[in-house]
Amino acid sequence: MSKNLFKTYDEKFYEYNIPGSLRSAKIFFNIIKDRYKFDSVVDFGCGRGTWLKAALEIGATTVHGYDGPWNEGKLID
């Protein structure tokens, strides 16, 4: 694994990107929720789980997120 990935995805990276990512996810799920009925979501490359959190807020009951070791399994509340 390249050490550069660990430097790219540091705490500052996530702190900066989480608010915008969560906003985008909420907009996206609100647009598609009436067209596509879903109760589960999987996100490959989920980062801190902003899209999973938005999916739960829209009504998904099961979410799974997968990311690399640089994320250390940390998720937003």
Protein backbone atom coordinates (compact mmCIF):
# COMPACT_ATOMS: atom_id res chain seq x y z
CA MET A 1 0.00 0.00 0.00
CA SER A 2 1.36 3.38 -0.92
CA LYS A 3 2.20 5.60 2.02
CA ASN A 4 0.90 8.55 -0.02
CA LEU A 5 -2.68 7.32 0.44
CA PHE A 6 -2.33 7.66 4.17
CA LYS A 7 -1.14 11.24 3.77
CA THR A 8 -3.92 12.11 1.29
CA TYR A 9 -6.72 10.79 3.47
CA ASP A 10 -5.85 12.37 6.79
CA GLU A 11 -8.21 13.87 9.37
CA LYS A 12 -8.15 17.28 7.68
CA PHE A 13 -9.25 15.68 4.41
CA TYR A 14 -12.31 14.12 6.04
CA GLU A 15 -13.16 17.20 8.11
CA TYR A 16 -13.15 19.34 4.97
CA ASN A 17 -15.14 16.91 2.81
CA ILE A 18 -17.79 15.54 5.18
CA PRO A 19 -20.22 18.52 5.12
CA GLY A 20 -20.31 18.76 1.31
CA SER A 21 -20.51 15.01 0.87
CA LEU A 22 -23.44 14.75 3.28
CA ARG A 23 -25.27 17.61 1.51
CA SER A 24 -24.75 15.95 -1.88
CA ALA A 25 -25.93 12.58 -0.62
CA LYS A 26 -29.11 14.04 0.86
CA ILE A 27 -29.92 15.83 -2.42
CA PHE A 28 -29.26 12.66 -4.42
CA PHE A 29 -31.36 10.37 -2.22
CA ASN A 30 -34.23 12.85 -2.08
CA ILE A 31 -34.29 12.94 -5.90
CA ILE A 32 -34.30 9.17 -6.39
CA LYS A 33 -36.38 8.00 -3.41
CA ASP A 34 -39.69 8.43 -5.24
CA ARG A 35 -38.47 6.69 -8.40
CA TYR A 36 -36.60 3.79 -6.82
CA LYS A 37 -37.81 2.07 -3.70
CA PHE A 38 -34.89 0.81 -1.64
CA ASP A 39 -34.26 -0.31 1.88
CA SER A 40 -30.58 -1.19 1.67
CA VAL A 41 -27.47 0.57 0.40
CA VAL A 42 -23.87 -0.53 -0.11
CA ASP A 43 -21.07 2.00 -0.60
CA PHE A 44 -17.63 0.93 -1.80
CA GLY A 45 -15.13 3.63 -0.89
CA CYS A 46 -17.46 4.99 1.76
CA GLY A 47 -14.96 7.21 3.54
CA ARG A 48 -16.57 8.20 6.82
CA GLY A 49 -20.03 7.02 5.76
CA THR A 50 -21.75 10.26 4.80
CA TRP A 51 -23.75 8.62 1.99
CA LEU A 52 -24.72 5.77 4.32
CA LYS A 53 -25.91 8.25 6.94
CA ALA A 54 -28.01 10.09 4.33
CA ALA A 55 -29.51 6.80 3.14
CA LEU A 56 -30.56 5.94 6.69
CA GLU A 57 -32.13 9.37 7.12
CA ILE A 58 -34.15 8.86 3.92
CA GLY A 59 -35.43 5.47 5.07
CA ALA A 60 -32.90 2.74 4.30
CA THR A 61 -32.88 0.11 7.03
CA THR A 62 -29.63 -1.66 6.14
CA VAL A 63 -26.38 -0.03 5.05
CA HIS A 64 -22.90 -1.44 4.47
CA GLY A 65 -19.78 0.60 3.78
CA TYR A 66 -16.35 -0.55 2.71
CA ASP A 67 -13.19 1.52 2.65
CA GLY A 68 -9.43 1.09 2.84
CA PRO A 69 -7.24 0.79 5.93
CA TRP A 70 -6.41 4.51 5.87
CA ASN A 71 -9.92 5.21 7.14
CA GLU A 72 -9.36 3.11 10.28
CA GLY A 73 -13.08 2.20 10.39
CA LYS A 74 -14.12 5.65 11.60
CA LEU A 75 -17.69 6.70 10.75
CA ILE A 76 -19.62 9.91 11.34
CA ASP A 77 -22.50 9.86 13.84
